[in-house]
N, C-alpha and C. Protein backbone atom coordinates (compact mmCIF):
# COMPACT_ATOMS: atom_id res chain seq x y z
N MET A 1 -16.84 45.79 -5.57
CA MET A 1 -15.98 44.64 -5.49
C MET A 1 -15.90 44.20 -4.03
N ASN A 2 -16.17 42.95 -3.76
CA ASN A 2 -16.14 42.42 -2.40
C ASN A 2 -14.89 41.57 -2.22
N PHE A 3 -13.93 42.07 -1.45
CA PHE A 3 -12.67 41.36 -1.26
C PHE A 3 -12.82 40.10 -0.42
N ASN A 4 -13.90 39.97 0.31
CA ASN A 4 -14.10 38.77 1.13
C ASN A 4 -14.33 37.53 0.27
N ASN A 5 -14.70 37.70 -0.98
CA ASN A 5 -14.99 36.56 -1.85
C ASN A 5 -13.76 36.05 -2.60
N PHE A 6 -12.63 36.73 -2.46
CA PHE A 6 -11.42 36.29 -3.16
C PHE A 6 -10.78 35.11 -2.45
N GLU A 7 -10.27 34.17 -3.23
CA GLU A 7 -9.47 33.08 -2.67
C GLU A 7 -8.02 33.41 -2.97
N LEU A 8 -7.24 33.56 -1.92
CA LEU A 8 -5.84 33.91 -2.09
C LEU A 8 -5.02 32.70 -2.51
N PRO A 9 -4.10 32.89 -3.42
CA PRO A 9 -3.26 31.76 -3.86
C PRO A 9 -2.21 31.44 -2.81
N TYR A 10 -1.76 30.21 -2.78
CA TYR A 10 -0.66 29.79 -1.92
C TYR A 10 0.63 30.19 -2.62
N VAL A 11 1.48 30.89 -1.93
CA VAL A 11 2.74 31.34 -2.52
C VAL A 11 3.89 30.74 -1.73
N GLU A 12 4.76 30.02 -2.41
CA GLU A 12 5.93 29.44 -1.76
C GLU A 12 7.13 30.33 -2.06
N LEU A 13 7.75 30.83 -1.01
CA LEU A 13 8.90 31.71 -1.17
C LEU A 13 10.16 30.90 -1.39
N PRO A 14 11.07 31.38 -2.23
CA PRO A 14 12.32 30.66 -2.42
C PRO A 14 13.16 30.67 -1.15
N ALA A 15 13.86 29.56 -0.88
CA ALA A 15 14.70 29.47 0.31
C ALA A 15 15.83 30.50 0.23
N GLN A 16 16.18 31.03 1.39
CA GLN A 16 17.26 32.01 1.54
C GLN A 16 16.99 33.35 0.86
N GLN A 17 15.74 33.64 0.59
CA GLN A 17 15.36 34.95 0.05
C GLN A 17 15.37 35.96 1.19
N SER A 18 15.96 37.11 0.98
CA SER A 18 15.98 38.17 2.00
C SER A 18 14.72 39.01 1.88
N TRP A 19 14.13 39.32 3.03
CA TRP A 19 12.95 40.17 3.10
C TRP A 19 13.23 41.27 4.11
N TYR A 20 12.78 42.47 3.82
CA TYR A 20 13.09 43.62 4.65
C TYR A 20 11.80 44.23 5.20
N ARG A 21 11.96 44.80 6.40
CA ARG A 21 10.82 45.39 7.08
C ARG A 21 11.31 46.62 7.83
N ILE A 22 10.49 47.66 7.83
CA ILE A 22 10.73 48.84 8.67
C ILE A 22 9.73 48.74 9.81
N GLN A 23 10.24 48.69 11.03
CA GLN A 23 9.34 48.57 12.18
C GLN A 23 9.86 49.43 13.32
N ARG A 24 9.00 49.69 14.29
CA ARG A 24 9.41 50.47 15.45
C ARG A 24 10.58 49.78 16.14
N THR A 25 11.54 50.57 16.58
CA THR A 25 12.68 50.02 17.30
C THR A 25 12.25 49.52 18.67
N ARG A 26 11.39 50.27 19.32
CA ARG A 26 10.85 49.87 20.63
C ARG A 26 9.36 49.63 20.48
N ALA A 27 8.92 48.52 21.00
CA ALA A 27 7.50 48.18 20.92
C ALA A 27 6.69 49.13 21.81
N LEU A 28 5.51 49.46 21.35
CA LEU A 28 4.56 50.21 22.16
C LEU A 28 3.85 49.23 23.09
N PRO A 29 3.21 49.70 24.15
CA PRO A 29 2.51 48.77 25.05
C PRO A 29 1.45 47.91 24.33
N VAL A 30 0.87 48.42 23.26
CA VAL A 30 -0.17 47.67 22.54
C VAL A 30 0.38 46.83 21.39
N SER A 31 1.68 46.92 21.13
CA SER A 31 2.28 46.18 20.01
C SER A 31 2.21 44.68 20.24
N GLU A 32 2.15 43.96 19.15
CA GLU A 32 2.19 42.50 19.19
C GLU A 32 3.56 42.06 18.69
N ARG A 33 4.13 41.06 19.36
CA ARG A 33 5.43 40.52 18.94
C ARG A 33 5.20 39.12 18.38
N VAL A 34 5.67 38.90 17.15
CA VAL A 34 5.52 37.61 16.49
C VAL A 34 6.81 37.29 15.74
N ASN A 35 7.53 36.28 16.17
CA ASN A 35 8.74 35.80 15.47
C ASN A 35 9.70 36.92 15.06
N GLY A 36 10.00 37.81 15.96
CA GLY A 36 10.93 38.89 15.66
C GLY A 36 10.29 40.15 15.10
N PHE A 37 9.02 40.06 14.78
CA PHE A 37 8.30 41.23 14.28
C PHE A 37 7.71 42.01 15.45
N ILE A 38 7.72 43.31 15.35
CA ILE A 38 6.95 44.17 16.26
C ILE A 38 5.82 44.72 15.41
N LEU A 39 4.60 44.28 15.71
CA LEU A 39 3.45 44.59 14.86
C LEU A 39 2.43 45.46 15.57
N ALA A 40 1.75 46.27 14.80
CA ALA A 40 0.62 47.03 15.34
C ALA A 40 -0.51 46.05 15.64
N PRO A 41 -1.33 46.34 16.65
CA PRO A 41 -2.44 45.43 16.94
C PRO A 41 -3.47 45.40 15.81
N ALA A 42 -4.24 44.35 15.76
CA ALA A 42 -5.29 44.22 14.74
C ALA A 42 -6.28 45.37 14.87
N GLY A 43 -6.76 45.84 13.75
CA GLY A 43 -7.82 46.84 13.74
C GLY A 43 -7.36 48.29 13.79
N VAL A 44 -6.07 48.55 13.91
CA VAL A 44 -5.59 49.93 13.98
C VAL A 44 -5.80 50.65 12.66
N LEU A 45 -5.51 49.97 11.56
CA LEU A 45 -5.71 50.48 10.20
C LEU A 45 -4.94 51.76 9.91
N ASN A 46 -3.75 51.91 10.50
CA ASN A 46 -2.88 53.05 10.18
C ASN A 46 -2.12 52.82 8.90
N GLY A 47 -1.69 51.60 8.68
CA GLY A 47 -0.88 51.28 7.53
C GLY A 47 -1.70 50.83 6.35
N ARG A 48 -1.09 50.88 5.21
CA ARG A 48 -1.75 50.52 3.96
C ARG A 48 -2.19 49.06 3.93
N PHE A 49 -1.46 48.19 4.61
CA PHE A 49 -1.73 46.76 4.55
C PHE A 49 -2.42 46.23 5.81
N ASP A 50 -2.79 47.09 6.75
CA ASP A 50 -3.41 46.65 7.99
C ASP A 50 -4.79 46.06 7.75
N LEU A 51 -5.13 45.08 8.59
CA LEU A 51 -6.42 44.41 8.50
C LEU A 51 -7.25 44.69 9.75
N VAL A 52 -8.55 44.57 9.62
CA VAL A 52 -9.46 44.81 10.73
C VAL A 52 -9.33 43.72 11.79
N ASP A 53 -9.19 42.46 11.36
CA ASP A 53 -9.29 41.35 12.31
C ASP A 53 -8.01 40.53 12.50
N ASP A 54 -6.87 41.02 12.02
CA ASP A 54 -5.63 40.26 12.19
C ASP A 54 -4.44 41.20 12.09
N VAL A 55 -3.34 40.82 12.73
CA VAL A 55 -2.12 41.62 12.62
C VAL A 55 -1.44 41.31 11.29
N THR A 56 -0.73 42.27 10.74
CA THR A 56 -0.05 42.07 9.46
C THR A 56 1.39 42.55 9.56
N ALA A 57 2.23 41.97 8.72
CA ALA A 57 3.62 42.40 8.63
C ALA A 57 3.94 42.61 7.16
N TYR A 58 4.28 43.83 6.80
CA TYR A 58 4.66 44.12 5.42
C TYR A 58 6.13 43.80 5.25
N LEU A 59 6.46 42.98 4.26
CA LEU A 59 7.85 42.66 3.93
C LEU A 59 8.09 43.05 2.48
N ALA A 60 9.27 43.58 2.21
CA ALA A 60 9.63 43.99 0.85
C ALA A 60 10.91 43.27 0.44
N ASP A 61 11.16 43.25 -0.86
CA ASP A 61 12.37 42.57 -1.34
C ASP A 61 13.60 43.47 -1.33
N THR A 62 13.43 44.75 -1.05
CA THR A 62 14.57 45.65 -0.84
C THR A 62 14.26 46.55 0.35
N VAL A 63 15.31 47.01 1.02
CA VAL A 63 15.10 47.89 2.16
C VAL A 63 14.53 49.23 1.71
N GLU A 64 14.91 49.68 0.51
CA GLU A 64 14.37 50.95 -0.01
C GLU A 64 12.86 50.86 -0.24
N THR A 65 12.41 49.75 -0.78
CA THR A 65 10.97 49.57 -0.99
C THR A 65 10.23 49.52 0.33
N ALA A 66 10.79 48.83 1.31
CA ALA A 66 10.15 48.76 2.63
C ALA A 66 10.04 50.15 3.24
N LEU A 67 11.09 50.94 3.13
CA LEU A 67 11.07 52.30 3.67
C LEU A 67 10.05 53.16 2.94
N TYR A 68 10.03 53.11 1.64
CA TYR A 68 9.08 53.90 0.86
C TYR A 68 7.64 53.51 1.19
N GLU A 69 7.35 52.22 1.18
CA GLU A 69 5.97 51.76 1.39
C GLU A 69 5.46 52.08 2.79
N THR A 70 6.34 52.07 3.79
CA THR A 70 5.86 52.27 5.16
C THR A 70 5.94 53.71 5.64
N ARG A 71 6.88 54.50 5.15
CA ARG A 71 7.07 55.85 5.69
C ARG A 71 6.76 56.97 4.70
N PHE A 72 6.86 56.73 3.40
CA PHE A 72 6.77 57.85 2.44
C PHE A 72 5.64 57.73 1.44
N ARG A 73 4.86 56.72 1.49
CA ARG A 73 3.77 56.56 0.54
C ARG A 73 2.58 57.40 0.99
N ARG A 74 1.64 57.58 0.13
CA ARG A 74 0.40 58.31 0.38
C ARG A 74 0.65 59.80 0.55
N GLU A 75 0.14 60.39 1.62
CA GLU A 75 0.17 61.85 1.76
C GLU A 75 1.47 62.39 2.33
N ALA A 76 2.47 61.57 2.54
CA ALA A 76 3.72 62.04 3.17
C ALA A 76 4.48 62.97 2.24
N PHE A 77 4.72 64.18 2.71
CA PHE A 77 5.52 65.13 1.96
C PHE A 77 6.93 65.22 2.54
N ALA A 78 7.04 64.91 3.83
CA ALA A 78 8.33 64.96 4.51
C ALA A 78 8.28 64.05 5.73
N CYS A 79 9.45 63.68 6.18
CA CYS A 79 9.56 62.87 7.39
C CYS A 79 10.82 63.34 8.11
N SER A 80 10.68 63.75 9.34
CA SER A 80 11.83 64.28 10.07
C SER A 80 12.77 63.16 10.49
N LEU A 81 14.02 63.52 10.72
CA LEU A 81 14.98 62.54 11.21
C LEU A 81 14.57 62.01 12.58
N ALA A 82 13.94 62.84 13.39
CA ALA A 82 13.47 62.39 14.70
C ALA A 82 12.43 61.28 14.55
N GLN A 83 11.54 61.42 13.57
CA GLN A 83 10.55 60.37 13.32
C GLN A 83 11.22 59.10 12.81
N LEU A 84 12.17 59.24 11.91
CA LEU A 84 12.85 58.06 11.36
C LEU A 84 13.66 57.32 12.42
N ARG A 85 14.16 58.03 13.42
CA ARG A 85 14.95 57.39 14.48
C ARG A 85 14.11 56.44 15.33
N GLU A 86 12.80 56.54 15.27
CA GLU A 86 11.93 55.64 16.02
C GLU A 86 11.79 54.28 15.35
N TYR A 87 12.35 54.13 14.16
CA TYR A 87 12.18 52.91 13.37
C TYR A 87 13.53 52.29 13.04
N SER A 88 13.50 50.99 12.79
CA SER A 88 14.70 50.24 12.38
C SER A 88 14.36 49.40 11.17
N ALA A 89 15.38 49.19 10.34
CA ALA A 89 15.24 48.26 9.22
C ALA A 89 15.71 46.90 9.71
N VAL A 90 14.90 45.88 9.48
CA VAL A 90 15.27 44.52 9.86
C VAL A 90 15.21 43.64 8.62
N CYS A 91 16.03 42.61 8.61
CA CYS A 91 16.10 41.68 7.48
C CYS A 91 15.77 40.28 7.96
N PHE A 92 14.93 39.60 7.24
CA PHE A 92 14.56 38.21 7.53
C PHE A 92 14.90 37.38 6.31
N LYS A 93 15.28 36.15 6.52
CA LYS A 93 15.55 35.23 5.41
C LYS A 93 14.53 34.10 5.46
N SER A 94 14.00 33.76 4.31
CA SER A 94 13.09 32.62 4.24
C SER A 94 13.91 31.34 4.32
N VAL A 95 13.27 30.30 4.83
CA VAL A 95 13.93 28.99 4.92
C VAL A 95 13.16 28.01 4.06
N SER A 96 13.77 26.90 3.76
CA SER A 96 13.09 25.89 2.96
C SER A 96 12.09 25.14 3.82
N ALA A 97 11.11 24.55 3.19
CA ALA A 97 10.12 23.74 3.91
C ALA A 97 10.81 22.58 4.61
N ASP A 98 11.86 22.03 4.02
CA ASP A 98 12.60 20.93 4.65
C ASP A 98 13.20 21.36 5.98
N ALA A 99 13.71 22.58 6.05
CA ALA A 99 14.30 23.07 7.30
C ALA A 99 13.25 23.19 8.39
N ILE A 100 12.04 23.57 8.02
CA ILE A 100 10.96 23.68 9.00
C ILE A 100 10.54 22.30 9.48
N LEU A 101 10.43 21.35 8.58
CA LEU A 101 9.96 20.02 8.93
C LEU A 101 10.96 19.25 9.78
N THR A 102 12.26 19.53 9.65
CA THR A 102 13.26 18.78 10.40
C THR A 102 13.62 19.44 11.72
N SER A 103 13.15 20.63 11.97
CA SER A 103 13.51 21.30 13.23
C SER A 103 12.51 21.01 14.32
């Protein structure tokens, strides 16, 4: 299966929808900052959703899902409190297209 041949659908998010993200509290020197996100650089491929040629931000519809998907999925059997203290949960709200066009 070649994923490069897929055409991704356009998805319009409902206005005022809350989205949650678990990200490092302090950016690393190589981190990218985009609209409040602290992102890993392109090509790192540490996370499940990372891409070779672009930075990505995983957002979930609940904070529990964001935490599970980013810290406890795959081979994780445990995560120390010291490791968890390096991360913060952040919440973003989607806005309507009208709000973007008028600002």
